[in-house]
Amino acid sequence: MSAAPLNAVLLDRAWIAAHIPHSGAMCLLDGVEAWDDSHIRCTATSHCDPHNPLRARGRLGSACGIEYAAQAMAVHGALVGIDGRENQRPRVGFLASVRGVQAHVARLDTFTAPLTIEAERLNGDGTSVLYAFTVRCGAQTLLSGRAAVMLDASGRLPGEGNAKATPP
């Protein structure tokens, strides 16, 4: 991802929580460092939080990085889907599959520096999107792979209007 064409807009955790269907402790990302129509780069420090809701037996396994990447994808979808309508909520997406996942470490919580989460939109249409993702700490790649996201055809979050989001 080249830094030059990316929008150098820094968005904070409050903006993220208002635009994805995760809030409270489940909103794992701290901010958006950069994005364009096909890429996003986010940061997170929640992997260091002993109360992270993804921890099991006090540990945060590397596979949890998939959720960090999925949230970055959701933020990207919100950013490219807004088209100037600031209060619009994004369509609900469901993580349909992950492929080619390579975990280079066993745990995320052993790293004290912020995580960098990058996602690149490889392909997509009105019903599904394919992303490649990487989770890093500094220069070290912790986790990478591809994810397919199915988009809800109703275009609304559960509880908004009369439409209800149901998994495919």
C-alpha atoms as a PDB file:
ATOM      1  CA  MET A   1       0.000   0.000   0.000  1.00  0.00           C
ATOM      2  CA  SER A   2       1.540   3.243  -1.087  1.00  0.00           C
ATOM      3  CA  ALA A   3       1.178   6.119   1.346  1.00  0.00           C
ATOM      4  CA  ALA A   4       0.878   8.849  -1.299  1.00  0.00           C
ATOM      5  CA  PRO A   5      -2.634   8.197  -2.696  1.00  0.00           C
ATOM      6  CA  LEU A   6      -4.206   7.389   0.657  1.00  0.00           C
ATOM      7  CA  ASN A   7      -6.410   9.944   2.325  1.00  0.00           C
ATOM      8  CA  ALA A   8      -4.338  11.156   5.271  1.00  0.00           C
ATOM      9  CA  VAL A   9      -7.389  11.399   7.491  1.00  0.00           C
ATOM     10  CA  LEU A  10      -7.021  10.213  11.049  1.00  0.00           C
ATOM     11  CA  LEU A  11     -10.285   8.880  12.441  1.00  0.00           C
ATOM     12  CA  ASP A  12     -10.565   7.981  16.111  1.00  0.00           C
ATOM     13  CA  ARG A  13     -12.199   5.165  18.058  1.00  0.00           C
ATOM     14  CA  ALA A  14     -15.414   7.164  18.598  1.00  0.00           C
ATOM     15  CA  TRP A  15     -15.855   7.573  14.835  1.00  0.00           C
ATOM     16  CA  ILE A  16     -15.172   3.877  14.295  1.00  0.00           C
ATOM     17  CA  ALA A  17     -17.652   2.779  16.993  1.00  0.00           C
ATOM     18  CA  ALA A  18     -20.321   5.006  15.427  1.00  0.00           C
ATOM     19  CA  HIS A  19     -19.849   3.429  11.996  1.00  0.00           C
ATOM     20  CA  ILE A  20     -19.424  -0.314  12.620  1.00  0.00           C
ATOM     21  CA  PRO A  21     -21.742  -2.727  14.427  1.00  0.00           C
ATOM     22  CA  HIS A  22     -19.311  -3.123  17.360  1.00  0.00           C
ATOM     23  CA  SER A  23     -19.208  -0.932  20.433  1.00  0.00           C
ATOM     24  CA  GLY A  24     -17.760  -0.877  23.910  1.00  0.00           C
ATOM     25  CA  ALA A  25     -14.911  -3.294  24.480  1.00  0.00           C
ATOM     26  CA  MET A  26     -15.723  -5.147  21.231  1.00  0.00           C
ATOM     27  CA  CYS A  27     -14.696  -2.116  19.186  1.00  0.00           C
ATOM     28  CA  LEU A  28     -11.064  -3.221  18.982  1.00  0.00           C
ATOM     29  CA  LEU A  29      -9.565  -0.509  16.781  1.00  0.00           C
ATOM     30  CA  ASP A  30      -8.193   2.805  18.056  1.00  0.00           C
ATOM     31  CA  GLY A  31      -8.030   4.691  14.794  1.00  0.00           C
ATOM     32  CA  VAL A  32      -7.636   4.906  11.052  1.00  0.00           C
ATOM     33  CA  GLU A  33      -4.225   6.137   9.918  1.00  0.00           C
ATOM     34  CA  ALA A  34      -4.909   6.166   6.170  1.00  0.00           C
ATOM     35  CA  TRP A  35      -7.328   4.867   3.551  1.00  0.00           C
ATOM     36  CA  ASP A  36      -8.303   5.050  -0.105  1.00  0.00           C
ATOM     37  CA  ASP A  37     -10.871   3.238  -2.261  1.00  0.00           C
ATOM     38  CA  SER A  38      -9.077  -0.106  -2.010  1.00  0.00           C
ATOM     39  CA  HIS A  39      -6.900   0.075   1.149  1.00  0.00           C
ATOM     40  CA  ILE A  40      -7.144   0.900   4.822  1.00  0.00           C
ATOM     41  CA  ARG A  41      -4.569   1.077   7.613  1.00  0.00           C
ATOM     42  CA  CYS A  42      -5.779   1.053  11.225  1.00  0.00           C
ATOM     43  CA  THR A  43      -4.123   0.909  14.640  1.00  0.00           C
ATOM     44  CA  ALA A  44      -5.065  -0.893  17.830  1.00  0.00           C
ATOM     45  CA  THR A  45      -3.796  -1.198  21.383  1.00  0.00           C
ATOM     46  CA  SER A  46      -6.677  -3.293  22.746  1.00  0.00           C
ATOM     47  CA  HIS A  47      -4.534  -6.436  22.391  1.00  0.00           C
ATOM     48  CA  CYS A  48      -2.732  -5.212  25.548  1.00  0.00           C
ATOM     49  CA  ASP A  49      -5.956  -4.817  27.549  1.00  0.00           C
ATOM     50  CA  PRO A  50      -6.302  -7.598  30.145  1.00  0.00           C
ATOM     51  CA  HIS A  51     -10.098  -7.204  29.802  1.00  0.00           C
ATOM     52  CA  ASN A  52     -10.135  -7.680  26.017  1.00  0.00           C
ATOM     53  CA  PRO A  53     -13.336  -9.692  25.374  1.00  0.00           C
ATOM     54  CA  LEU A  54     -11.526 -12.012  22.949  1.00  0.00           C
ATOM     55  CA  ARG A  55      -9.099 -13.279  25.585  1.00  0.00           C
ATOM     56  CA  ALA A  56      -9.394 -16.906  26.658  1.00  0.00           C
ATOM     57  CA  ARG A  57      -7.736 -18.006  29.903  1.00  0.00           C
ATOM     58  CA  GLY A  58      -6.010 -14.628  30.058  1.00  0.00           C
ATOM     59  CA  ARG A  59      -4.436 -14.962  26.608  1.00  0.00           C
ATOM     60  CA  LEU A  60      -5.144 -13.419  23.218  1.00  0.00           C
ATOM     61  CA  GLY A  61      -4.363 -15.959  20.516  1.00  0.00           C
ATOM     62  CA  SER A  62      -3.113 -14.856  17.115  1.00  0.00           C
ATOM     63  CA  ALA A  63      -6.325 -16.060  15.416  1.00  0.00           C
ATOM     64  CA  CYS A  64      -8.065 -13.150  17.159  1.00  0.00           C
ATOM     65  CA  GLY A  65      -6.214 -10.961  14.679  1.00  0.00           C
ATOM     66  CA  ILE A  66      -8.841 -12.048  12.146  1.00  0.00           C
ATOM     67  CA  GLU A  67     -11.439 -10.056  14.125  1.00  0.00           C
ATOM     68  CA  TYR A  68      -9.141  -7.022  14.135  1.00  0.00           C
ATOM     69  CA  ALA A  69      -8.845  -7.346  10.344  1.00  0.00           C
ATOM     70  CA  ALA A  70     -12.609  -7.848   9.945  1.00  0.00           C
ATOM     71  CA  GLN A  71     -13.240  -4.630  11.861  1.00  0.00           C
ATOM     72  CA  ALA A  72     -10.775  -2.789   9.606  1.00  0.00           C
ATOM     73  CA  MET A  73     -12.714  -4.141   6.613  1.00  0.00           C
ATOM     74  CA  ALA A  74     -15.981  -2.905   8.151  1.00  0.00           C
ATOM     75  CA  VAL A  75     -14.476   0.547   8.688  1.00  0.00           C
ATOM     76  CA  HIS A  76     -13.249   0.547   5.085  1.00  0.00           C
ATOM     77  CA  GLY A  77     -16.734  -0.375   3.897  1.00  0.00           C
ATOM     78  CA  ALA A  78     -18.170   2.490   5.935  1.00  0.00           C
ATOM     79  CA  LEU A  79     -15.651   4.960   4.520  1.00  0.00           C
ATOM     80  CA  VAL A  80     -16.111   4.049   0.866  1.00  0.00           C
ATOM     81  CA  GLY A  81     -19.889   3.745   1.271  1.00  0.00           C
ATOM     82  CA  ILE A  82     -20.579   7.083   2.922  1.00  0.00           C
ATOM     83  CA  ASP A  83     -20.346   9.243  -0.220  1.00  0.00           C
ATOM     84  CA  GLY A  84     -20.625  12.430   1.817  1.00  0.00           C
ATOM     85  CA  ARG A  85     -23.559  11.240   3.949  1.00  0.00           C
ATOM     86  CA  GLU A  86     -21.892  11.511   7.350  1.00  0.00           C
ATOM     87  CA  ASN A  87     -24.691   9.957   9.434  1.00  0.00           C
ATOM     88  CA  GLN A  88     -25.234   6.942   7.197  1.00  0.00           C
ATOM     89  CA  ARG A  89     -24.580   3.539   8.797  1.00  0.00           C
ATOM     90  CA  PRO A  90     -22.855   0.959   6.593  1.00  0.00           C
ATOM     91  CA  ARG A  91     -24.474  -2.210   5.348  1.00  0.00           C
ATOM     92  CA  VAL A  92     -24.076  -5.152   7.674  1.00  0.00           C
ATOM     93  CA  GLY A  93     -21.445  -7.637   6.556  1.00  0.00           C
ATOM     94  CA  PHE A  94     -20.882 -11.203   7.660  1.00  0.00           C
ATOM     95  CA  LEU A  95     -17.464 -12.832   7.581  1.00  0.00           C
ATOM     96  CA  ALA A  96     -18.177 -15.760   5.250  1.00  0.00           C
ATOM     97  CA  SER A  97     -14.728 -17.337   5.036  1.00  0.00           C
ATOM     98  CA  VAL A  98     -11.048 -16.819   5.652  1.00  0.00           C
ATOM     99  CA  ARG A  99      -8.397 -18.420   3.458  1.00  0.00           C
ATOM    100  CA  GLY A 100      -4.645 -18.646   3.357  1.00  0.00           C
ATOM    101  CA  VAL A 101      -4.298 -17.498   6.953  1.00  0.00           C
ATOM    102  CA  GLN A 102      -0.706 -17.559   8.159  1.00  0.00           C
ATOM    103  CA  ALA A 103      -0.087 -16.996  11.849  1.00  0.00           C
ATOM    104  CA  HIS A 104       3.542 -16.122  12.491  1.00  0.00           C
ATOM    105  CA  VAL A 105       3.142 -15.895  16.286  1.00  0.00           C
ATOM    106  CA  ALA A 106       1.067 -17.783  18.842  1.00  0.00           C
ATOM    107  CA  ARG A 107      -0.281 -14.762  20.731  1.00  0.00           C
ATOM    108  CA  LEU A 108      -1.012 -11.075  20.183  1.00  0.00           C
ATOM    109  CA  ASP A 109      -0.969 -10.018  23.840  1.00  0.00           C
ATOM    110  CA  THR A 110       2.773 -10.574  24.172  1.00  0.00           C
ATOM    111  CA  PHE A 111       3.389  -7.467  22.026  1.00  0.00           C
ATOM    112  CA  THR A 112       3.306  -4.120  23.828  1.00  0.00           C
ATOM    113  CA  ALA A 113       3.548  -1.767  20.839  1.00  0.00           C
ATOM    114  CA  PRO A 114       0.411  -0.845  18.860  1.00  0.00           C
ATOM    115  CA  LEU A 115      -0.794  -3.207  16.157  1.00  0.00           C
ATOM    116  CA  THR A 116      -1.104  -2.034  12.565  1.00  0.00           C
ATOM    117  CA  ILE A 117      -3.961  -3.648  10.671  1.00  0.00           C
ATOM    118  CA  GLU A 118      -4.029  -3.325   6.890  1.00  0.00           C
ATOM    119  CA  ALA A 119      -6.721  -4.532   4.514  1.00  0.00           C
ATOM    120  CA  GLU A 120      -6.829  -4.374   0.731  1.00  0.00           C
ATOM    121  CA  ARG A 121     -10.048  -4.806  -1.206  1.00  0.00           C
ATOM    122  CA  LEU A 122      -9.207  -7.290  -3.962  1.00  0.00           C
ATOM    123  CA  ASN A 123     -12.624  -7.709  -5.559  1.00  0.00           C
ATOM    124  CA  GLY A 124     -16.266  -7.177  -4.811  1.00  0.00           C
ATOM    125  CA  ASP A 125     -19.771  -6.369  -5.927  1.00  0.00           C
ATOM    126  CA  GLY A 126     -23.073  -5.501  -4.278  1.00  0.00           C
ATOM    127  CA  THR A 127     -23.281  -8.787  -2.383  1.00  0.00           C
ATOM    128  CA  SER A 128     -19.746  -9.755  -1.406  1.00  0.00           C
ATOM    129  CA  VAL A 129     -16.236  -8.367  -0.994  1.00  0.00           C
ATOM    130  CA  LEU A 130     -12.848 -10.118  -0.931  1.00  0.00           C
ATOM    131  CA  TYR A 131     -10.031  -8.582   1.133  1.00  0.00           C
ATOM    132  CA  ALA A 132      -6.400  -9.447   1.823  1.00  0.00           C
ATOM    133  CA  PHE A 133      -5.282  -8.510   5.326  1.00  0.00           C
ATOM    134  CA  THR A 134      -2.142  -8.224   7.418  1.00  0.00           C
ATOM    135  CA  VAL A 135      -1.718  -7.632  11.151  1.00  0.00           C
ATOM    136  CA  ARG A 136       1.707  -6.270  12.166  1.00  0.00           C
ATOM    137  CA  CYS A 137       3.517  -5.003  15.199  1.00  0.00           C
ATOM    138  CA  GLY A 138       6.220  -2.667  13.980  1.00  0.00           C
ATOM    139  CA  ALA A 139       7.921  -4.377  11.039  1.00  0.00           C
ATOM    140  CA  GLN A 140       6.948  -7.887  12.194  1.00  0.00           C
ATOM    141  CA  THR A 141       4.035  -9.583  10.431  1.00  0.00           C
ATOM    142  CA  LEU A 142       1.923 -11.421  13.011  1.00  0.00           C
ATOM    143  CA  LEU A 143      -0.949 -12.685  10.858  1.00  0.00           C
ATOM    144  CA  SER A 144      -2.032 -12.485   7.226  1.00  0.00           C
ATOM    145  CA  GLY A 145      -4.670 -13.961   4.959  1.00  0.00           C
ATOM    146  CA  ARG A 146      -7.759 -13.302   2.846  1.00  0.00           C
ATOM    147  CA  ALA A 147     -11.360 -12.882   3.921  1.00  0.00           C
ATOM    148  CA  ALA A 148     -14.681 -12.984   2.084  1.00  0.00           C
ATOM    149  CA  VAL A 149     -17.437 -10.761   3.449  1.00  0.00           C
ATOM    150  CA  MET A 150     -21.094 -11.275   2.487  1.00  0.00           C
ATOM    151  CA  LEU A 151     -23.128  -8.077   2.575  1.00  0.00           C
ATOM    152  CA  ASP A 152     -26.670  -7.995   3.907  1.00  0.00           C
ATOM    153  CA  ALA A 153     -29.087  -7.174   1.104  1.00  0.00           C
ATOM    154  CA  SER A 154     -31.366  -5.136   3.365  1.00  0.00           C
ATOM    155  CA  GLY A 155     -28.630  -2.534   3.813  1.00  0.00           C
ATOM    156  CA  ARG A 156     -29.538  -1.833   7.431  1.00  0.00           C
ATOM    157  CA  LEU A 157     -28.232  -2.747  10.838  1.00  0.00           C
ATOM    158  CA  PRO A 158     -30.487  -4.891  13.048  1.00  0.00           C
ATOM    159  CA  GLY A 159     -33.133  -2.759  14.747  1.00  0.00           C
ATOM    160  CA  GLU A 160     -33.065   0.023  12.135  1.00  0.00           C
ATOM    161  CA  GLY A 161     -36.407   0.450  10.397  1.00  0.00           C
ATOM    162  CA  ASN A 162     -38.413  -2.675   9.633  1.00  0.00           C
ATOM    163  CA  ALA A 163     -35.607  -4.634   7.988  1.00  0.00           C
ATOM    164  CA  LYS A 164     -33.773  -7.234  10.031  1.00  0.00           C
ATOM    165  CA  ALA A 165     -30.331  -8.524   9.211  1.00  0.00           C
ATOM    166  CA  THR A 166     -30.178 -12.276   9.068  1.00  0.00           C
ATOM    167  CA  PRO A 167     -27.118 -14.356   8.307  1.00  0.00           C
ATOM    168  CA  PRO A 168     -27.035 -15.841   4.782  1.00  0.00           C
END
